[in-house]
């Protein structure tokens, strides 16, 4: 059976696409499991607003939960990060500060 009908071949491609979509969903579930991104900043900070947009996009794409903390409401965070805001933590460890690179954050969450 050297030749397959076009209908059968097309079905094979659909199966591959379905498997790719399932793989993406599995990756998203694995990435989200046990991960947490924390954005530390303060109100009125334009860099914090930019960072929030990147964090929302990447975390939304990957299904990773994220939280936002305000240094003006937490003395310990203020002492630790007041010169670096915005600061992004991944699973409690400092990932970056000032500018958030979307590709770098995505890699950190998928590796």
PDB file of N, CA and C in Angstrom:
ATOM      1  N   UNK A   1       0.841  -1.161   0.000  1.00  0.00           N
ATOM      2  CA  UNK A   1       0.000   0.000   0.000  1.00  0.00           C
ATOM      3  C   UNK A   1       0.898   1.239   0.000  1.00  0.00           C
ATOM      4  N   UNK A   2       1.472   1.546  -1.143  1.00  0.00           N
ATOM      5  CA  UNK A   2       2.432   2.627  -1.267  1.00  0.00           C
ATOM      6  C   UNK A   2       1.765   3.988  -1.329  1.00  0.00           C
ATOM      7  N   UNK A   3       0.542   4.047  -1.794  1.00  0.00           N
ATOM      8  CA  UNK A   3      -0.108   5.343  -1.973  1.00  0.00           C
ATOM      9  C   UNK A   3      -1.281   5.457  -1.010  1.00  0.00           C
ATOM     10  N   UNK A   4      -1.344   6.552  -0.341  1.00  0.00           N
ATOM     11  CA  UNK A   4      -2.466   6.788   0.573  1.00  0.00           C
ATOM     12  C   UNK A   4      -3.390   7.803  -0.043  1.00  0.00           C
ATOM     13  N   UNK A   5      -4.646   7.711   0.299  1.00  0.00           N
ATOM     14  CA  UNK A   5      -5.594   8.680  -0.240  1.00  0.00           C
ATOM     15  C   UNK A   5      -5.337  10.042   0.398  1.00  0.00           C
ATOM     16  N   UNK A   6      -5.640  11.119  -0.316  1.00  0.00           N
ATOM     17  CA  UNK A   6      -5.460  12.468   0.234  1.00  0.00           C
ATOM     18  C   UNK A   6      -6.234  12.656   1.537  1.00  0.00           C
ATOM     19  N   UNK A   7      -7.400  12.029   1.638  1.00  0.00           N
ATOM     20  CA  UNK A   7      -8.212  12.174   2.840  1.00  0.00           C
ATOM     21  C   UNK A   7      -7.470  11.602   4.041  1.00  0.00           C
ATOM     22  N   UNK A   8      -6.835  10.465   3.859  1.00  0.00           N
ATOM     23  CA  UNK A   8      -6.111   9.832   4.959  1.00  0.00           C
ATOM     24  C   UNK A   8      -4.917  10.689   5.369  1.00  0.00           C
ATOM     25  N   UNK A   9      -4.197  11.217   4.379  1.00  0.00           N
ATOM     26  CA  UNK A   9      -3.033  12.058   4.694  1.00  0.00           C
ATOM     27  C   UNK A   9      -3.466  13.305   5.454  1.00  0.00           C
ATOM     28  N   UNK A  10      -4.542  13.935   5.019  1.00  0.00           N
ATOM     29  CA  UNK A  10      -5.008  15.130   5.695  1.00  0.00           C
ATOM     30  C   UNK A  10      -5.350  14.823   7.152  1.00  0.00           C
ATOM     31  N   UNK A  11      -5.972  13.671   7.383  1.00  0.00           N
ATOM     32  CA  UNK A  11      -6.310  13.276   8.746  1.00  0.00           C
ATOM     33  C   UNK A  11      -5.064  13.157   9.602  1.00  0.00           C
ATOM     34  N   UNK A  12      -3.968  12.680   9.020  1.00  0.00           N
ATOM     35  CA  UNK A  12      -2.716  12.567   9.756  1.00  0.00           C
ATOM     36  C   UNK A  12      -2.213  13.922  10.200  1.00  0.00           C
ATOM     37  N   UNK A  13      -2.315  14.905   9.341  1.00  0.00           N
ATOM     38  CA  UNK A  13      -1.884  16.262   9.712  1.00  0.00           C
ATOM     39  C   UNK A  13      -2.744  16.811  10.837  1.00  0.00           C
ATOM     40  N   UNK A  14      -4.021  16.543  10.770  1.00  0.00           N
ATOM     41  CA  UNK A  14      -4.903  17.013  11.843  1.00  0.00           C
ATOM     42  C   UNK A  14      -4.505  16.381  13.172  1.00  0.00           C
ATOM     43  N   UNK A  15      -4.173  15.111  13.125  1.00  0.00           N
ATOM     44  CA  UNK A  15      -3.755  14.417  14.337  1.00  0.00           C
ATOM     45  C   UNK A  15      -2.495  15.062  14.886  1.00  0.00           C
ATOM     46  N   UNK A  16      -1.539  15.414  14.003  1.00  0.00           N
ATOM     47  CA  UNK A  16      -0.315  16.071  14.461  1.00  0.00           C
ATOM     48  C   UNK A  16      -0.637  17.410  15.106  1.00  0.00           C
ATOM     49  N   UNK A  17      -1.528  18.183  14.508  1.00  0.00           N
ATOM     50  CA  UNK A  17      -1.892  19.473  15.076  1.00  0.00           C
ATOM     51  C   UNK A  17      -2.545  19.289  16.441  1.00  0.00           C
ATOM     52  N   UNK A  18      -3.422  18.278  16.542  1.00  0.00           N
ATOM     53  CA  UNK A  18      -4.064  17.997  17.816  1.00  0.00           C
ATOM     54  C   UNK A  18      -3.027  17.628  18.871  1.00  0.00           C
ATOM     55  N   UNK A  19      -2.065  16.779  18.487  1.00  0.00           N
ATOM     56  CA  UNK A  19      -1.021  16.385  19.424  1.00  0.00           C
ATOM     57  C   UNK A  19      -0.188  17.589  19.846  1.00  0.00           C
ATOM     58  N   UNK A  20       0.081  18.522  18.920  1.00  0.00           N
ATOM     59  CA  UNK A  20       0.837  19.724  19.257  1.00  0.00           C
ATOM     60  C   UNK A  20       0.067  20.581  20.248  1.00  0.00           C
ATOM     61  N   UNK A  21      -1.237  20.722  20.030  1.00  0.00           N
ATOM     62  CA  UNK A  21      -2.054  21.506  20.950  1.00  0.00           C
ATOM     63  C   UNK A  21      -2.080  20.852  22.326  1.00  0.00           C
ATOM     64  N   UNK A  22      -2.186  19.518  22.348  1.00  0.00           N
ATOM     65  CA  UNK A  22      -2.179  18.819  23.630  1.00  0.00           C
ATOM     66  C   UNK A  22      -0.826  18.975  24.317  1.00  0.00           C
ATOM     67  N   UNK A  23       0.255  18.937  23.545  1.00  0.00           N
ATOM     68  CA  UNK A  23       1.584  19.117  24.115  1.00  0.00           C
ATOM     69  C   UNK A  23       1.717  20.505  24.726  1.00  0.00           C
ATOM     70  N   UNK A  24       1.192  21.520  24.051  1.00  0.00           N
ATOM     71  CA  UNK A  24       1.241  22.885  24.577  1.00  0.00           C
ATOM     72  C   UNK A  24       0.452  22.975  25.875  1.00  0.00           C
ATOM     73  N   UNK A  25      -0.704  22.317  25.936  1.00  0.00           N
ATOM     74  CA  UNK A  25      -1.500  22.321  27.160  1.00  0.00           C
ATOM     75  C   UNK A  25      -0.767  21.599  28.283  1.00  0.00           C
ATOM     76  N   UNK A  26      -0.101  20.481  27.957  1.00  0.00           N
ATOM     77  CA  UNK A  26       0.662  19.748  28.973  1.00  0.00           C
ATOM     78  C   UNK A  26       1.816  20.601  29.484  1.00  0.00           C
ATOM     79  N   UNK A  27       2.514  21.303  28.587  1.00  0.00           N
ATOM     80  CA  UNK A  27       3.617  22.169  28.991  1.00  0.00           C
ATOM     81  C   UNK A  27       3.096  23.261  29.912  1.00  0.00           C
ATOM     82  N   UNK A  28       1.963  23.853  29.544  1.00  0.00           N
ATOM     83  CA  UNK A  28       1.377  24.914  30.360  1.00  0.00           C
ATOM     84  C   UNK A  28       1.052  24.391  31.754  1.00  0.00           C
ATOM     85  N   UNK A  29       0.475  23.197  31.841  1.00  0.00           N
ATOM     86  CA  UNK A  29       0.132  22.624  33.146  1.00  0.00           C
ATOM     87  C   UNK A  29       1.389  22.347  33.963  1.00  0.00           C
ATOM     88  N   UNK A  30       2.430  21.817  33.329  1.00  0.00           N
ATOM     89  CA  UNK A  30       3.669  21.522  34.038  1.00  0.00           C
ATOM     90  C   UNK A  30       4.351  22.805  34.512  1.00  0.00           C
ATOM     91  N   UNK A  31       4.323  23.831  33.670  1.00  0.00           N
ATOM     92  CA  UNK A  31       4.959  25.105  34.017  1.00  0.00           C
ATOM     93  C   UNK A  31       4.236  25.729  35.198  1.00  0.00           C
ATOM     94  N   UNK A  32       2.909  25.733  35.164  1.00  0.00           N
ATOM     95  CA  UNK A  32       2.125  26.404  36.193  1.00  0.00           C
ATOM     96  C   UNK A  32       2.232  25.696  37.545  1.00  0.00           C
ATOM     97  N   UNK A  33       2.469  24.408  37.530  1.00  0.00           N
ATOM     98  CA  UNK A  33       2.490  23.640  38.771  1.00  0.00           C
ATOM     99  C   UNK A  33       3.613  24.105  39.692  1.00  0.00           C
ATOM    100  N   UNK A  34       3.231  24.674  40.817  1.00  0.00           N
ATOM    101  CA  UNK A  34       4.208  25.075  41.817  1.00  0.00           C
ATOM    102  C   UNK A  34       4.977  26.341  41.508  1.00  0.00           C
ATOM    103  N   UNK A  35       4.634  27.060  40.455  1.00  0.00           N
ATOM    104  CA  UNK A  35       5.357  28.287  40.085  1.00  0.00           C
ATOM    105  C   UNK A  35       4.598  29.496  40.607  1.00  0.00           C
ATOM    106  N   UNK A  36       5.335  30.558  40.905  1.00  0.00           N
ATOM    107  CA  UNK A  36       4.717  31.812  41.304  1.00  0.00           C
ATOM    108  C   UNK A  36       5.646  32.960  40.926  1.00  0.00           C
ATOM    109  N   UNK A  37       5.088  33.933  40.244  1.00  0.00           N
ATOM    110  CA  UNK A  37       5.827  35.143  39.897  1.00  0.00           C
ATOM    111  C   UNK A  37       5.317  36.262  40.809  1.00  0.00           C
ATOM    112  N   UNK A  38       6.250  36.992  41.395  1.00  0.00           N
ATOM    113  CA  UNK A  38       5.899  38.111  42.262  1.00  0.00           C
ATOM    114  C   UNK A  38       6.473  39.387  41.664  1.00  0.00           C
ATOM    115  N   UNK A  39       5.622  40.382  41.495  1.00  0.00           N
ATOM    116  CA  UNK A  39       6.039  41.687  41.005  1.00  0.00           C
ATOM    117  C   UNK A  39       6.005  42.648  42.180  1.00  0.00           C
ATOM    118  N   UNK A  40       7.154  43.224  42.497  1.00  0.00           N
ATOM    119  CA  UNK A  40       7.266  44.159  43.611  1.00  0.00           C
ATOM    120  C   UNK A  40       7.461  45.557  43.037  1.00  0.00           C
ATOM    121  N   UNK A  41       6.591  46.476  43.439  1.00  0.00           N
ATOM    122  CA  UNK A  41       6.674  47.837  42.925  1.00  0.00           C
ATOM    123  C   UNK A  41       5.955  48.796  43.841  1.00  0.00           C
ATOM    124  N   UNK A  42       5.524  49.916  43.257  1.00  0.00           N
ATOM    125  CA  UNK A  42       4.755  50.901  44.021  1.00  0.00           C
ATOM    126  C   UNK A  42       3.843  51.654  43.064  1.00  0.00           C
ATOM    127  N   UNK A  43       2.772  52.239  43.587  1.00  0.00           N
ATOM    128  CA  UNK A  43       1.844  53.007  42.744  1.00  0.00           C
ATOM    129  C   UNK A  43       2.540  54.213  42.122  1.00  0.00           C
ATOM    130  N   UNK A  44       2.132  54.527  40.899  1.00  0.00           N
ATOM    131  CA  UNK A  44       2.652  55.703  40.211  1.00  0.00           C
ATOM    132  C   UNK A  44       4.002  55.505  39.545  1.00  0.00           C
ATOM    133  N   UNK A  45       4.534  54.311  39.569  1.00  0.00           N
ATOM    134  CA  UNK A  45       5.839  54.005  38.974  1.00  0.00           C
ATOM    135  C   UNK A  45       5.620  53.521  37.534  1.00  0.00           C
ATOM    136  N   UNK A  46       6.106  54.301  36.559  1.00  0.00           N
ATOM    137  CA  UNK A  46       5.868  53.919  35.157  1.00  0.00           C
ATOM    138  C   UNK A  46       6.587  52.629  34.784  1.00  0.00           C
ATOM    139  N   UNK A  47       7.768  52.376  35.349  1.00  0.00           N
ATOM    140  CA  UNK A  47       8.456  51.114  35.063  1.00  0.00           C
ATOM    141  C   UNK A  47       7.687  49.934  35.648  1.00  0.00           C
ATOM    142  N   UNK A  48       7.054  50.157  36.793  1.00  0.00           N
ATOM    143  CA  UNK A  48       6.247  49.101  37.411  1.00  0.00           C
ATOM    144  C   UNK A  48       5.046  48.761  36.531  1.00  0.00           C
ATOM    145  N   UNK A  49       4.444  49.776  35.934  1.00  0.00           N
ATOM    146  CA  UNK A  49       3.317  49.548  35.038  1.00  0.00           C
ATOM    147  C   UNK A  49       3.747  48.762  33.801  1.00  0.00           C
ATOM    148  N   UNK A  50       4.905  49.104  33.246  1.00  0.00           N
ATOM    149  CA  UNK A  50       5.435  48.367  32.090  1.00  0.00           C
ATOM    150  C   UNK A  50       5.724  46.916  32.480  1.00  0.00           C
ATOM    151  N   UNK A  51       6.342  46.728  33.633  1.00  0.00           N
ATOM    152  CA  UNK A  51       6.669  45.379  34.108  1.00  0.00           C
ATOM    153  C   UNK A  51       5.398  44.562  34.306  1.00  0.00           C
ATOM    154  N   UNK A  52       4.368  45.188  34.835  1.00  0.00           N
ATOM    155  CA  UNK A  52       3.108  44.488  35.056  1.00  0.00           C
ATOM    156  C   UNK A  52       2.534  43.968  33.742  1.00  0.00           C
ATOM    157  N   UNK A  53       2.622  44.770  32.694  1.00  0.00           N
ATOM    158  CA  UNK A  53       2.132  44.331  31.386  1.00  0.00           C
ATOM    159  C   UNK A  53       2.858  43.090  30.892  1.00  0.00           C
ATOM    160  N   UNK A  54       4.169  43.055  31.067  1.00  0.00           N
ATOM    161  CA  UNK A  54       4.963  41.892  30.632  1.00  0.00           C
ATOM    162  C   UNK A  54       4.621  40.680  31.488  1.00  0.00           C
ATOM    163  N   UNK A  55       4.564  40.866  32.793  1.00  0.00           N
ATOM    164  CA  UNK A  55       4.260  39.752  33.703  1.00  0.00           C
ATOM    165  C   UNK A  55       2.867  39.200  33.413  1.00  0.00           C
ATOM    166  N   UNK A  56       1.889  40.072  33.239  1.00  0.00           N
ATOM    167  CA  UNK A  56       0.527  39.617  32.925  1.00  0.00           C
ATOM    168  C   UNK A  56       0.499  38.808  31.645  1.00  0.00           C
ATOM    169  N   UNK A  57       1.197  39.269  30.619  1.00  0.00           N
ATOM    170  CA  UNK A  57       1.204  38.575  29.323  1.00  0.00           C
ATOM    171  C   UNK A  57       1.854  37.203  29.441  1.00  0.00           C
ATOM    172  N   UNK A  58       3.060  37.152  29.977  1.00  0.00           N
ATOM    173  CA  UNK A  58       3.792  35.884  30.048  1.00  0.00           C
ATOM    174  C   UNK A  58       3.069  34.901  30.961  1.00  0.00           C
ATOM    175  N   UNK A  59       2.672  35.349  32.129  1.00  0.00           N
ATOM    176  CA  UNK A  59       1.992  34.457  33.065  1.00  0.00           C
ATOM    177  C   UNK A  59       0.643  34.008  32.513  1.00  0.00           C
ATOM    178  N   UNK A  60      -0.048  34.909  31.842  1.00  0.00           N
ATOM    179  CA  UNK A  60      -1.313  34.541  31.213  1.00  0.00           C
ATOM    180  C   UNK A  60      -1.123  33.506  30.123  1.00  0.00           C
ATOM    181  N   UNK A  61      -0.108  33.689  29.295  1.00  0.00           N
ATOM    182  CA  UNK A  61       0.180  32.731  28.220  1.00  0.00           C
ATOM    183  C   UNK A  61       0.515  31.348  28.774  1.00  0.00           C
ATOM    184  N   UNK A  62       1.266  31.315  29.875  1.00  0.00           N
ATOM    185  CA  UNK A  62       1.752  30.047  30.419  1.00  0.00           C
ATOM    186  C   UNK A  62       0.875  29.482  31.531  1.00  0.00           C
ATOM    187  N   UNK A  63      -0.105  30.238  31.973  1.00  0.00           N
ATOM    188  CA  UNK A  63      -0.969  29.769  33.054  1.00  0.00           C
ATOM    189  C   UNK A  63      -0.281  29.757  34.406  1.00  0.00           C
ATOM    190  N   UNK A  64       0.692  30.648  34.581  1.00  0.00           N
ATOM    191  CA  UNK A  64       1.437  30.731  35.836  1.00  0.00           C
ATOM    192  C   UNK A  64       0.797  31.803  36.720  1.00  0.00           C
ATOM    193  N   UNK A  65       0.526  31.491  37.974  1.00  0.00           N
ATOM    194  CA  UNK A  65      -0.034  32.511  38.854  1.00  0.00           C
ATOM    195  C   UNK A  65       0.998  33.586  39.177  1.00  0.00           C
ATOM    196  N   UNK A  66       0.509  34.805  39.417  1.00  0.00           N
ATOM    197  CA  UNK A  66       1.416  35.885  39.788  1.00  0.00           C
ATOM    198  C   UNK A  66       0.717  36.763  40.809  1.00  0.00           C
ATOM    199  N   UNK A  67       1.526  37.473  41.569  1.00  0.00           N
ATOM    200  CA  UNK A  67       1.008  38.378  42.578  1.00  0.00           C
ATOM    201  C   UNK A  67       1.765  39.690  42.501  1.00  0.00           C
ATOM    202  N   UNK A  68       1.165  40.719  43.078  1.00  0.00           N
ATOM    203  CA  UNK A  68       1.791  42.031  43.078  1.00  0.00           C
ATOM    204  C   UNK A  68       1.913  42.496  44.520  1.00  0.00           C
ATOM    205  N   UNK A  69       3.092  43.020  44.875  1.00  0.00           N
ATOM    206  CA  UNK A  69       3.316  43.537  46.222  1.00  0.00           C
ATOM    207  C   UNK A  69       3.783  44.984  46.123  1.00  0.00           C
ATOM    208  N   UNK A  70       3.325  45.788  47.081  1.00  0.00           N
ATOM    209  CA  UNK A  70       3.575  47.224  47.100  1.00  0.00           C
ATOM    210  C   UNK A  70       4.586  47.542  48.203  1.00  0.00           C
ATOM    211  N   UNK A  71       5.733  48.115  47.828  1.00  0.00           N
ATOM    212  CA  UNK A  71       6.764  48.417  48.830  1.00  0.00           C
ATOM    213  C   UNK A  71       6.328  49.500  49.808  1.00  0.00           C
ATOM    214  N   UNK A  72       5.320  50.288  49.438  1.00  0.00           N
ATOM    215  CA  UNK A  72       4.861  51.324  50.361  1.00  0.00           C
ATOM    216  C   UNK A  72       3.990  50.742  51.469  1.00  0.00           C
ATOM    217  N   UNK A  73       3.597  49.486  51.327  1.00  0.00           N
ATOM    218  CA  UNK A  73       2.753  48.822  52.321  1.00  0.00           C
ATOM    219  C   UNK A  73       3.515  47.781  53.134  1.00  0.00           C
ATOM    220  N   UNK A  74       4.801  47.596  52.847  1.00  0.00           N
ATOM    221  CA  UNK A  74       5.575  46.540  53.507  1.00  0.00           C
ATOM    222  C   UNK A  74       6.994  47.054  53.767  1.00  0.00           C
ATOM    223  N   UNK A  75       7.306  47.325  55.024  1.00  0.00           N
ATOM    224  CA  UNK A  75       8.599  47.908  55.393  1.00  0.00           C
ATOM    225  C   UNK A  75       9.769  47.009  54.999  1.00  0.00           C
ATOM    226  N   UNK A  76       9.621  45.711  55.170  1.00  0.00           N
ATOM    227  CA  UNK A  76      10.706  44.784  54.817  1.00  0.00           C
ATOM    228  C   UNK A  76      10.994  44.814  53.311  1.00  0.00           C
ATOM    229  N   UNK A  77       9.954  44.796  52.506  1.00  0.00           N
ATOM    230  CA  UNK A  77      10.140  44.891  51.046  1.00  0.00           C
ATOM    231  C   UNK A  77      10.737  46.238  50.670  1.00  0.00           C
ATOM    232  N   UNK A  78      10.300  47.293  51.342  1.00  0.00           N
ATOM    233  CA  UNK A  78      10.828  48.623  51.068  1.00  0.00           C
ATOM    234  C   UNK A  78      12.333  48.665  51.312  1.00  0.00           C
ATOM    235  N   UNK A  79      12.771  48.142  52.458  1.00  0.00           N
ATOM    236  CA  UNK A  79      14.208  48.122  52.766  1.00  0.00           C
ATOM    237  C   UNK A  79      14.989  47.292  51.743  1.00  0.00           C
ATOM    238  N   UNK A  80      14.433  46.178  51.347  1.00  0.00           N
ATOM    239  CA  UNK A  80      15.152  45.269  50.454  1.00  0.00           C
ATOM    240  C   UNK A  80      15.210  45.750  49.005  1.00  0.00           C
ATOM    241  N   UNK A  81      14.147  46.410  48.526  1.00  0.00           N
ATOM    242  CA  UNK A  81      14.040  46.645  47.078  1.00  0.00           C
ATOM    243  C   UNK A  81      13.806  48.094  46.655  1.00  0.00           C
ATOM    244  N   UNK A  82      13.796  49.071  47.549  1.00  0.00           N
ATOM    245  CA  UNK A  82      13.366  50.415  47.173  1.00  0.00           C
ATOM    246  C   UNK A  82      14.172  51.026  46.034  1.00  0.00           C
ATOM    247  N   UNK A  83      15.434  50.643  45.874  1.00  0.00           N
ATOM    248  CA  UNK A  83      16.243  51.202  44.779  1.00  0.00           C
ATOM    249  C   UNK A  83      16.135  50.414  43.474  1.00  0.00           C
ATOM    250  N   UNK A  84      15.471  49.279  43.514  1.00  0.00           N
ATOM    251  CA  UNK A  84      15.452  48.403  42.347  1.00  0.00           C
ATOM    252  C   UNK A  84      14.093  48.275  41.667  1.00  0.00           C
ATOM    253  N   UNK A  85      13.041  48.820  42.231  1.00  0.00           N
ATOM    254  CA  UNK A  85      11.717  48.542  41.677  1.00  0.00           C
ATOM    255  C   UNK A  85      11.590  48.999  40.228  1.00  0.00           C
ATOM    256  N   UNK A  86      10.820  48.264  39.460  1.00  0.00           N
ATOM    257  CA  UNK A  86      10.132  47.035  39.824  1.00  0.00           C
ATOM    258  C   UNK A  86      11.094  45.849  39.902  1.00  0.00           C
ATOM    259  N   UNK A  87      10.757  44.928  40.778  1.00  0.00           N
ATOM    260  CA  UNK A  87      11.536  43.710  40.944  1.00  0.00           C
ATOM    261  C   UNK A  87      10.612  42.538  40.647  1.00  0.00           C
ATOM    262  N   UNK A  88      11.130  41.551  39.926  1.00  0.00           N
ATOM    263  CA  UNK A  88      10.358  40.348  39.644  1.00  0.00           C
ATOM    264  C   UNK A  88      11.054  39.176  40.317  1.00  0.00           C
ATOM    265  N   UNK A  89      10.272  38.439  41.104  1.00  0.00           N
ATOM    266  CA  UNK A  89      10.751  37.209  41.726  1.00  0.00           C
ATOM    267  C   UNK A  89      10.086  36.038  41.022  1.00  0.00           C
ATOM    268  N   UNK A  90      10.839  34.989  40.795  1.00  0.00           N
ATOM    269  CA  UNK A  90      10.275  33.746  40.265  1.00  0.00           C
ATOM    270  C   UNK A  90      10.491  32.698  41.346  1.00  0.00           C
ATOM    271  N   UNK A  91       9.397  32.189  41.861  1.00  0.00           N
ATOM    272  CA  UNK A  91       9.442  31.201  42.940  1.00  0.00           C
ATOM    273  C   UNK A  91      10.247  31.713  44.129  1.00  0.00           C
ATOM    274  N   UNK A  92      10.114  32.998  44.428  1.00  0.00           N
ATOM    275  CA  UNK A  92      10.759  33.596  45.588  1.00  0.00           C
ATOM    276  C   UNK A  92      12.180  34.073  45.383  1.00  0.00           C
ATOM    277  N   UNK A  93      12.794  33.756  44.245  1.00  0.00           N
ATOM    278  CA  UNK A  93      14.169  34.189  43.957  1.00  0.00           C
ATOM    279  C   UNK A  93      14.132  35.359  42.979  1.00  0.00           C
ATOM    280  N   UNK A  94      14.992  36.342  43.206  1.00  0.00           N
ATOM    281  CA  UNK A  94      15.004  37.507  42.331  1.00  0.00           C
ATOM    282  C   UNK A  94      15.388  37.109  40.915  1.00  0.00           C
ATOM    283  N   UNK A  95      14.529  37.474  39.989  1.00  0.00           N
ATOM    284  CA  UNK A  95      14.751  37.179  38.568  1.00  0.00           C
ATOM    285  C   UNK A  95      15.339  38.397  37.855  1.00  0.00           C
ATOM    286  N   UNK A  96      14.757  39.567  38.093  1.00  0.00           N
ATOM    287  CA  UNK A  96      15.208  40.780  37.419  1.00  0.00           C
ATOM    288  C   UNK A  96      14.707  42.012  38.162  1.00  0.00           C
ATOM    289  N   UNK A  97      15.191  43.172  37.748  1.00  0.00           N
ATOM    290  CA  UNK A  97      14.684  44.432  38.275  1.00  0.00           C
ATOM    291  C   UNK A  97      14.776  45.495  37.194  1.00  0.00           C
ATOM    292  N   UNK A  98      14.094  46.592  37.399  1.00  0.00           N
ATOM    293  CA  UNK A  98      13.943  47.733  36.503  1.00  0.00           C
ATOM    294  C   UNK A  98      13.200  47.399  35.222  1.00  0.00           C
ATOM    295  N   UNK A  99      13.780  46.647  34.342  1.00  0.00           N
ATOM    296  CA  UNK A  99      13.133  46.290  33.067  1.00  0.00           C
ATOM    297  C   UNK A  99      12.923  44.778  33.011  1.00  0.00           C
ATOM    298  N   UNK A 100      11.736  44.370  32.579  1.00  0.00           N
ATOM    299  CA  UNK A 100      11.414  42.947  32.492  1.00  0.00           C
ATOM    300  C   UNK A 100      11.431  42.554  31.025  1.00  0.00           C
ATOM    301  N   UNK A 101      12.286  41.587  30.693  1.00  0.00           N
ATOM    302  CA  UNK A 101      12.382  41.089  29.328  1.00  0.00           C
ATOM    303  C   UNK A 101      11.434  39.899  29.178  1.00  0.00           C
ATOM    304  N   UNK A 102      10.485  40.029  28.263  1.00  0.00           N
ATOM    305  CA  UNK A 102       9.463  39.006  28.076  1.00  0.00           C
ATOM    306  C   UNK A 102      10.066  37.637  27.754  1.00  0.00           C
ATOM    307  N   UNK A 103      10.997  37.579  26.824  1.00  0.00           N
ATOM    308  CA  UNK A 103      11.595  36.297  26.433  1.00  0.00           C
ATOM    309  C   UNK A 103      12.364  35.659  27.588  1.00  0.00           C
ATOM    310  N   UNK A 104      13.093  36.461  28.324  1.00  0.00           N
ATOM    311  CA  UNK A 104      13.878  35.947  29.451  1.00  0.00           C
ATOM    312  C   UNK A 104      12.967  35.386  30.548  1.00  0.00           C
ATOM    313  N   UNK A 105      11.872  36.100  30.848  1.00  0.00           N
ATOM    314  CA  UNK A 105      10.922  35.616  31.848  1.00  0.00           C
ATOM    315  C   UNK A 105      10.261  34.329  31.375  1.00  0.00           C
ATOM    316  N   UNK A 106       9.879  34.281  30.121  1.00  0.00           N
ATOM    317  CA  UNK A 106       9.251  33.070  29.568  1.00  0.00           C
ATOM    318  C   UNK A 106      10.211  31.872  29.683  1.00  0.00           C
ATOM    319  N   UNK A 107      11.496  32.093  29.338  1.00  0.00           N
ATOM    320  CA  UNK A 107      12.484  31.002  29.445  1.00  0.00           C
ATOM    321  C   UNK A 107      12.621  30.540  30.894  1.00  0.00           C
ATOM    322  N   UNK A 108      12.658  31.482  31.810  1.00  0.00           N
ATOM    323  CA  UNK A 108      12.818  31.134  33.225  1.00  0.00           C
ATOM    324  C   UNK A 108      11.652  30.282  33.709  1.00  0.00           C
ATOM    325  N   UNK A 109      10.489  30.517  33.171  1.00  0.00           N
ATOM    326  CA  UNK A 109       9.316  29.773  33.612  1.00  0.00           C
ATOM    327  C   UNK A 109       9.127  28.442  32.893  1.00  0.00           C
ATOM    328  N   UNK A 110       9.786  28.252  31.775  1.00  0.00           N
ATOM    329  CA  UNK A 110       9.603  27.013  31.008  1.00  0.00           C
ATOM    330  C   UNK A 110      10.798  26.063  31.101  1.00  0.00           C
ATOM    331  N   UNK A 111      11.841  26.474  31.775  1.00  0.00           N
ATOM    332  CA  UNK A 111      13.006  25.574  31.888  1.00  0.00           C
ATOM    333  C   UNK A 111      13.009  24.874  33.226  1.00  0.00           C
TER     334      UNK A 111
END
